[in-house]
Every structure is written in structure tokens, then in C-alpha cells.
Amino acid sequence: MKISNLKDCSVFIDTNILIYAFTTTRFTPACEELLEKVRNGVVKGHINSTVIDEFFHKVLLMQVYT
């Protein structure tokens, strides 16, 4: 399934979606597109506290390594 085909649905936003949108990888454009659809209300996004915790932990580790 392509991100461009998503509309009027609900998705769970996993940590990897946020990481790929935050960094530059081959998955970045698709993740940014998904988050843009959530931002614009085309898709309803769900997230939990574990994902938020994992995201900030991984971002912190990336900062430490650089």
C-alpha cells in the first residue's frame, strides 16, 4: 500500500516513522508524507507514551554519537 492512497483511516505512528522523518534516509519522504497527512487531518494518527520515550531516547543517542 502506498502512503498516497491513505485517506479517511487511522494509523499507529511507530517510533521508526518519527526517526525516519527526523533523519535523512530512503524512507524519509514517505514518513514525512504520512505525518503531513496526519497534520492535515486526512489520516487520524495515534501514538503512545512508549513511542515518544523511544523517539527522544534515540534522538539523544544520535546527538551523543555525533
PDB file of N, CA and C in Angstrom:
ATOM      1  N   MET A   1       0.838  -1.173   0.000  1.00  0.00           N
ATOM      2  CA  MET A   1       0.000   0.000   0.000  1.00  0.00           C
ATOM      3  C   MET A   1       0.890   1.245   0.000  1.00  0.00           C
ATOM      4  N   LYS A   2       0.504   2.215  -0.761  1.00  0.00           N
ATOM      5  CA  LYS A   2       1.251   3.469  -0.852  1.00  0.00           C
ATOM      6  C   LYS A   2       0.656   4.501   0.102  1.00  0.00           C
ATOM      7  N   ILE A   3       1.523   5.319   0.651  1.00  0.00           N
ATOM      8  CA  ILE A   3       1.090   6.378   1.561  1.00  0.00           C
ATOM      9  C   ILE A   3       0.112   7.316   0.857  1.00  0.00           C
ATOM     10  N   SER A   4       0.354   7.562  -0.411  1.00  0.00           N
ATOM     11  CA  SER A   4      -0.507   8.489  -1.150  1.00  0.00           C
ATOM     12  C   SER A   4      -1.946   7.993  -1.253  1.00  0.00           C
ATOM     13  N   ASN A   5      -2.165   6.691  -1.086  1.00  0.00           N
ATOM     14  CA  ASN A   5      -3.525   6.135  -1.152  1.00  0.00           C
ATOM     15  C   ASN A   5      -4.279   6.207   0.167  1.00  0.00           C
ATOM     16  N   LEU A   6      -3.604   6.561   1.245  1.00  0.00           N
ATOM     17  CA  LEU A   6      -4.251   6.615   2.548  1.00  0.00           C
ATOM     18  C   LEU A   6      -5.127   7.845   2.676  1.00  0.00           C
ATOM     19  N   LYS A   7      -6.361   7.638   3.123  1.00  0.00           N
ATOM     20  CA  LYS A   7      -7.249   8.739   3.482  1.00  0.00           C
ATOM     21  C   LYS A   7      -8.404   8.171   4.286  1.00  0.00           C
ATOM     22  N   ASP A   8      -8.954   8.995   5.140  1.00  0.00           N
ATOM     23  CA  ASP A   8     -10.083   8.605   5.984  1.00  0.00           C
ATOM     24  C   ASP A   8      -9.838   7.288   6.710  1.00  0.00           C
ATOM     25  N   CYS A   9      -8.680   7.170   7.348  1.00  0.00           N
ATOM     26  CA  CYS A   9      -8.351   5.958   8.098  1.00  0.00           C
ATOM     27  C   CYS A   9      -7.545   6.343   9.333  1.00  0.00           C
ATOM     28  N   SER A  10      -7.262   5.372  10.165  1.00  0.00           N
ATOM     29  CA  SER A  10      -6.451   5.574  11.355  1.00  0.00           C
ATOM     30  C   SER A  10      -5.169   4.769  11.234  1.00  0.00           C
ATOM     31  N   VAL A  11      -4.073   5.339  11.711  1.00  0.00           N
ATOM     32  CA  VAL A  11      -2.788   4.645  11.688  1.00  0.00           C
ATOM     33  C   VAL A  11      -2.099   4.836  13.034  1.00  0.00           C
ATOM     34  N   PHE A  12      -1.288   3.865  13.413  1.00  0.00           N
ATOM     35  CA  PHE A  12      -0.449   3.996  14.595  1.00  0.00           C
ATOM     36  C   PHE A  12       0.926   4.451  14.136  1.00  0.00           C
ATOM     37  N   ILE A  13       1.406   5.521  14.722  1.00  0.00           N
ATOM     38  CA  ILE A  13       2.706   6.075  14.368  1.00  0.00           C
ATOM     39  C   ILE A  13       3.765   5.411  15.251  1.00  0.00           C
ATOM     40  N   ASP A  14       4.579   4.569  14.662  1.00  0.00           N
ATOM     41  CA  ASP A  14       5.639   3.878  15.378  1.00  0.00           C
ATOM     42  C   ASP A  14       6.872   4.782  15.484  1.00  0.00           C
ATOM     43  N   THR A  15       7.767   4.430  16.379  1.00  0.00           N
ATOM     44  CA  THR A  15       8.989   5.209  16.589  1.00  0.00           C
ATOM     45  C   THR A  15       9.784   5.371  15.296  1.00  0.00           C
ATOM     46  N   ASN A  16       9.863   4.335  14.491  1.00  0.00           N
ATOM     47  CA  ASN A  16      10.645   4.407  13.251  1.00  0.00           C
ATOM     48  C   ASN A  16      10.111   5.470  12.300  1.00  0.00           C
ATOM     49  N   ILE A  17       8.816   5.664  12.264  1.00  0.00           N
ATOM     50  CA  ILE A  17       8.242   6.712  11.406  1.00  0.00           C
ATOM     51  C   ILE A  17       8.798   8.066  11.825  1.00  0.00           C
ATOM     52  N   LEU A  18       8.826   8.320  13.114  1.00  0.00           N
ATOM     53  CA  LEU A  18       9.347   9.601  13.607  1.00  0.00           C
ATOM     54  C   LEU A  18      10.843   9.731  13.364  1.00  0.00           C
ATOM     55  N   ILE A  19      11.584   8.661  13.594  1.00  0.00           N
ATOM     56  CA  ILE A  19      13.037   8.692  13.385  1.00  0.00           C
ATOM     57  C   ILE A  19      13.351   8.941  11.916  1.00  0.00           C
ATOM     58  N   TYR A  20      12.683   8.234  11.021  1.00  0.00           N
ATOM     59  CA  TYR A  20      12.948   8.409   9.594  1.00  0.00           C
ATOM     60  C   TYR A  20      12.539   9.801   9.114  1.00  0.00           C
ATOM     61  N   ALA A  21      11.506  10.374   9.696  1.00  0.00           N
ATOM     62  CA  ALA A  21      11.112  11.733   9.322  1.00  0.00           C
ATOM     63  C   ALA A  21      12.100  12.755   9.878  1.00  0.00           C
ATOM     64  N   PHE A  22      12.729  12.435  10.999  1.00  0.00           N
ATOM     65  CA  PHE A  22      13.675  13.332  11.666  1.00  0.00           C
ATOM     66  C   PHE A  22      15.059  13.279  11.028  1.00  0.00           C
ATOM     67  N   THR A  23      15.399  12.172  10.395  1.00  0.00           N
ATOM     68  CA  THR A  23      16.712  11.993   9.784  1.00  0.00           C
ATOM     69  C   THR A  23      16.574  11.973   8.260  1.00  0.00           C
ATOM     70  N   THR A  24      17.644  11.649   7.579  1.00  0.00           N
ATOM     71  CA  THR A  24      17.604  11.564   6.122  1.00  0.00           C
ATOM     72  C   THR A  24      17.963  10.144   5.703  1.00  0.00           C
ATOM     73  N   THR A  25      16.947   9.409   5.257  1.00  0.00           N
ATOM     74  CA  THR A  25      17.133   8.048   4.763  1.00  0.00           C
ATOM     75  C   THR A  25      16.272   7.882   3.518  1.00  0.00           C
ATOM     76  N   ARG A  26      16.293   6.714   2.946  1.00  0.00           N
ATOM     77  CA  ARG A  26      15.435   6.484   1.776  1.00  0.00           C
ATOM     78  C   ARG A  26      13.969   6.425   2.171  1.00  0.00           C
ATOM     79  N   PHE A  27      13.682   6.280   3.478  1.00  0.00           N
ATOM     80  CA  PHE A  27      12.301   6.227   3.959  1.00  0.00           C
ATOM     81  C   PHE A  27      11.762   7.599   4.362  1.00  0.00           C
ATOM     82  N   THR A  28      12.613   8.589   4.420  1.00  0.00           N
ATOM     83  CA  THR A  28      12.226   9.920   4.888  1.00  0.00           C
ATOM     84  C   THR A  28      11.052  10.524   4.120  1.00  0.00           C
ATOM     85  N   PRO A  29      11.056  10.525   2.788  1.00  0.00           N
ATOM     86  CA  PRO A  29       9.931  11.142   2.082  1.00  0.00           C
ATOM     87  C   PRO A  29       8.576  10.497   2.410  1.00  0.00           C
ATOM     88  N   ALA A  30       8.526   9.189   2.499  1.00  0.00           N
ATOM     89  CA  ALA A  30       7.260   8.506   2.802  1.00  0.00           C
ATOM     90  C   ALA A  30       6.799   8.829   4.224  1.00  0.00           C
ATOM     91  N   CYS A  31       7.737   8.864   5.159  1.00  0.00           N
ATOM     92  CA  CYS A  31       7.380   9.170   6.547  1.00  0.00           C
ATOM     93  C   CYS A  31       6.914  10.613   6.682  1.00  0.00           C
ATOM     94  N   GLU A  32       7.575  11.518   6.014  1.00  0.00           N
ATOM     95  CA  GLU A  32       7.144  12.913   6.024  1.00  0.00           C
ATOM     96  C   GLU A  32       5.763  13.062   5.406  1.00  0.00           C
ATOM     97  N   GLU A  33       5.502  12.320   4.336  1.00  0.00           N
ATOM     98  CA  GLU A  33       4.190  12.374   3.691  1.00  0.00           C
ATOM     99  C   GLU A  33       3.103  11.868   4.642  1.00  0.00           C
ATOM    100  N   LEU A  34       3.379  10.783   5.348  1.00  0.00           N
ATOM    101  CA  LEU A  34       2.406  10.253   6.297  1.00  0.00           C
ATOM    102  C   LEU A  34       2.127  11.259   7.407  1.00  0.00           C
ATOM    103  N   LEU A  35       3.172  11.843   7.968  1.00  0.00           N
ATOM    104  CA  LEU A  35       2.977  12.815   9.040  1.00  0.00           C
ATOM    105  C   LEU A  35       2.257  14.066   8.541  1.00  0.00           C
ATOM    106  N   GLU A  36       2.492  14.443   7.315  1.00  0.00           N
ATOM    107  CA  GLU A  36       1.777  15.582   6.725  1.00  0.00           C
ATOM    108  C   GLU A  36       0.282  15.271   6.594  1.00  0.00           C
ATOM    109  N   LYS A  37      -0.044  14.049   6.206  1.00  0.00           N
ATOM    110  CA  LYS A  37      -1.453  13.640   6.115  1.00  0.00           C
ATOM    111  C   LYS A  37      -2.120  13.672   7.492  1.00  0.00           C
ATOM    112  N   VAL A  38      -1.379  13.280   8.511  1.00  0.00           N
ATOM    113  CA  VAL A  38      -1.909  13.350   9.874  1.00  0.00           C
ATOM    114  C   VAL A  38      -2.100  14.813  10.268  1.00  0.00           C
ATOM    115  N   ARG A  39      -1.110  15.642   9.990  1.00  0.00           N
ATOM    116  CA  ARG A  39      -1.182  17.060  10.322  1.00  0.00           C
ATOM    117  C   ARG A  39      -2.381  17.731   9.647  1.00  0.00           C
ATOM    118  N   ASN A  40      -2.652  17.352   8.418  1.00  0.00           N
ATOM    119  CA  ASN A  40      -3.744  17.972   7.664  1.00  0.00           C
ATOM    120  C   ASN A  40      -5.103  17.335   7.932  1.00  0.00           C
ATOM    121  N   GLY A  41      -5.144  16.290   8.765  1.00  0.00           N
ATOM    122  CA  GLY A  41      -6.413  15.664   9.109  1.00  0.00           C
ATOM    123  C   GLY A  41      -6.927  14.672   8.087  1.00  0.00           C
ATOM    124  N   VAL A  42      -6.124  14.331   7.100  1.00  0.00           N
ATOM    125  CA  VAL A  42      -6.520  13.356   6.086  1.00  0.00           C
ATOM    126  C   VAL A  42      -6.528  11.953   6.692  1.00  0.00           C
ATOM    127  N   VAL A  43      -5.582  11.713   7.586  1.00  0.00           N
ATOM    128  CA  VAL A  43      -5.428  10.437   8.280  1.00  0.00           C
ATOM    129  C   VAL A  43      -5.400  10.736   9.772  1.00  0.00           C
ATOM    130  N   LYS A  44      -6.031   9.893  10.567  1.00  0.00           N
ATOM    131  CA  LYS A  44      -6.010  10.055  12.013  1.00  0.00           C
ATOM    132  C   LYS A  44      -4.836   9.248  12.564  1.00  0.00           C
ATOM    133  N   GLY A  45      -3.887   9.924  13.206  1.00  0.00           N
ATOM    134  CA  GLY A  45      -2.705   9.265  13.730  1.00  0.00           C
ATOM    135  C   GLY A  45      -2.811   9.019  15.225  1.00  0.00           C
ATOM    136  N   HIS A  46      -2.311   7.874  15.649  1.00  0.00           N
ATOM    137  CA  HIS A  46      -2.294   7.508  17.065  1.00  0.00           C
ATOM    138  C   HIS A  46      -0.859   7.235  17.481  1.00  0.00           C
ATOM    139  N   ILE A  47      -0.540   7.590  18.715  1.00  0.00           N
ATOM    140  CA  ILE A  47       0.797   7.391  19.257  1.00  0.00           C
ATOM    141  C   ILE A  47       0.645   7.142  20.754  1.00  0.00           C
ATOM    142  N   ASN A  48       1.613   6.486  21.349  1.00  0.00           N
ATOM    143  CA  ASN A  48       1.539   6.292  22.792  1.00  0.00           C
ATOM    144  C   ASN A  48       2.819   6.809  23.454  1.00  0.00           C
ATOM    145  N   SER A  49       2.838   6.776  24.778  1.00  0.00           N
ATOM    146  CA  SER A  49       3.967   7.339  25.509  1.00  0.00           C
ATOM    147  C   SER A  49       5.263   6.546  25.290  1.00  0.00           C
ATOM    148  N   THR A  50       5.157   5.263  25.028  1.00  0.00           N
ATOM    149  CA  THR A  50       6.348   4.460  24.762  1.00  0.00           C
ATOM    150  C   THR A  50       7.057   4.938  23.504  1.00  0.00           C
ATOM    151  N   VAL A  51       6.299   5.243  22.465  1.00  0.00           N
ATOM    152  CA  VAL A  51       6.880   5.739  21.210  1.00  0.00           C
ATOM    153  C   VAL A  51       7.571   7.080  21.441  1.00  0.00           C
ATOM    154  N   ILE A  52       6.931   7.948  22.187  1.00  0.00           N
ATOM    155  CA  ILE A  52       7.526   9.256  22.467  1.00  0.00           C
ATOM    156  C   ILE A  52       8.831   9.078  23.243  1.00  0.00           C
ATOM    157  N   ASP A  53       8.813   8.213  24.250  1.00  0.00           N
ATOM    158  CA  ASP A  53      10.010   7.939  25.041  1.00  0.00           C
ATOM    159  C   ASP A  53      11.132   7.365  24.179  1.00  0.00           C
ATOM    160  N   GLU A  54      10.807   6.383  23.347  1.00  0.00           N
ATOM    161  CA  GLU A  54      11.816   5.778  22.463  1.00  0.00           C
ATOM    162  C   GLU A  54      12.383   6.799  21.485  1.00  0.00           C
ATOM    163  N   PHE A  55      11.526   7.645  20.941  1.00  0.00           N
ATOM    164  CA  PHE A  55      11.979   8.655  19.980  1.00  0.00           C
ATOM    165  C   PHE A  55      13.002   9.591  20.625  1.00  0.00           C
ATOM    166  N   PHE A  56      12.670  10.149  21.788  1.00  0.00           N
ATOM    167  CA  PHE A  56      13.593  11.073  22.428  1.00  0.00           C
ATOM    168  C   PHE A  56      14.870  10.379  22.891  1.00  0.00           C
ATOM    169  N   HIS A  57      14.764   9.127  23.299  1.00  0.00           N
ATOM    170  CA  HIS A  57      15.948   8.373  23.687  1.00  0.00           C
ATOM    171  C   HIS A  57      16.874   8.181  22.476  1.00  0.00           C
ATOM    172  N   LYS A  58      16.313   7.804  21.336  1.00  0.00           N
ATOM    173  CA  LYS A  58      17.133   7.591  20.136  1.00  0.00           C
ATOM    174  C   LYS A  58      17.727   8.898  19.623  1.00  0.00           C
ATOM    175  N   VAL A  59      16.967   9.969  19.692  1.00  0.00           N
ATOM    176  CA  VAL A  59      17.491  11.274  19.268  1.00  0.00           C
ATOM    177  C   VAL A  59      18.639  11.695  20.184  1.00  0.00           C
ATOM    178  N   LEU A  60      18.484  11.472  21.476  1.00  0.00           N
ATOM    179  CA  LEU A  60      19.549  11.785  22.418  1.00  0.00           C
ATOM    180  C   LEU A  60      20.807  10.977  22.103  1.00  0.00           C
ATOM    181  N   LEU A  61      20.645   9.683  21.827  1.00  0.00           N
ATOM    182  CA  LEU A  61      21.797   8.849  21.474  1.00  0.00           C
ATOM    183  C   LEU A  61      22.453   9.331  20.177  1.00  0.00           C
ATOM    184  N   MET A  62      21.659   9.734  19.197  1.00  0.00           N
ATOM    185  CA  MET A  62      22.240  10.254  17.952  1.00  0.00           C
ATOM    186  C   MET A  62      23.066  11.503  18.220  1.00  0.00           C
ATOM    187  N   GLN A  63      22.587  12.353  19.120  1.00  0.00           N
ATOM    188  CA  GLN A  63      23.313  13.580  19.457  1.00  0.00           C
ATOM    189  C   GLN A  63      24.617  13.247  20.177  1.00  0.00           C
ATOM    190  N   VAL A  64      24.587  12.258  21.040  1.00  0.00           N
ATOM    191  CA  VAL A  64      25.793  11.863  21.774  1.00  0.00           C
ATOM    192  C   VAL A  64      26.840  11.308  20.821  1.00  0.00           C
ATOM    193  N   TYR A  65      26.409  10.483  19.851  1.00  0.00           N
ATOM    194  CA  TYR A  65      27.356   9.881  18.927  1.00  0.00           C
ATOM    195  C   TYR A  65      27.949  10.867  17.934  1.00  0.00           C
ATOM    196  N   THR A  66      27.247  11.949  17.667  1.00  0.00           N
ATOM    197  CA  THR A  66      27.777  12.940  16.740  1.00  0.00           C
ATOM    198  C   THR A  66      28.536  13.981  17.531  1.00  0.00           C
TER     199      THR A  66
END
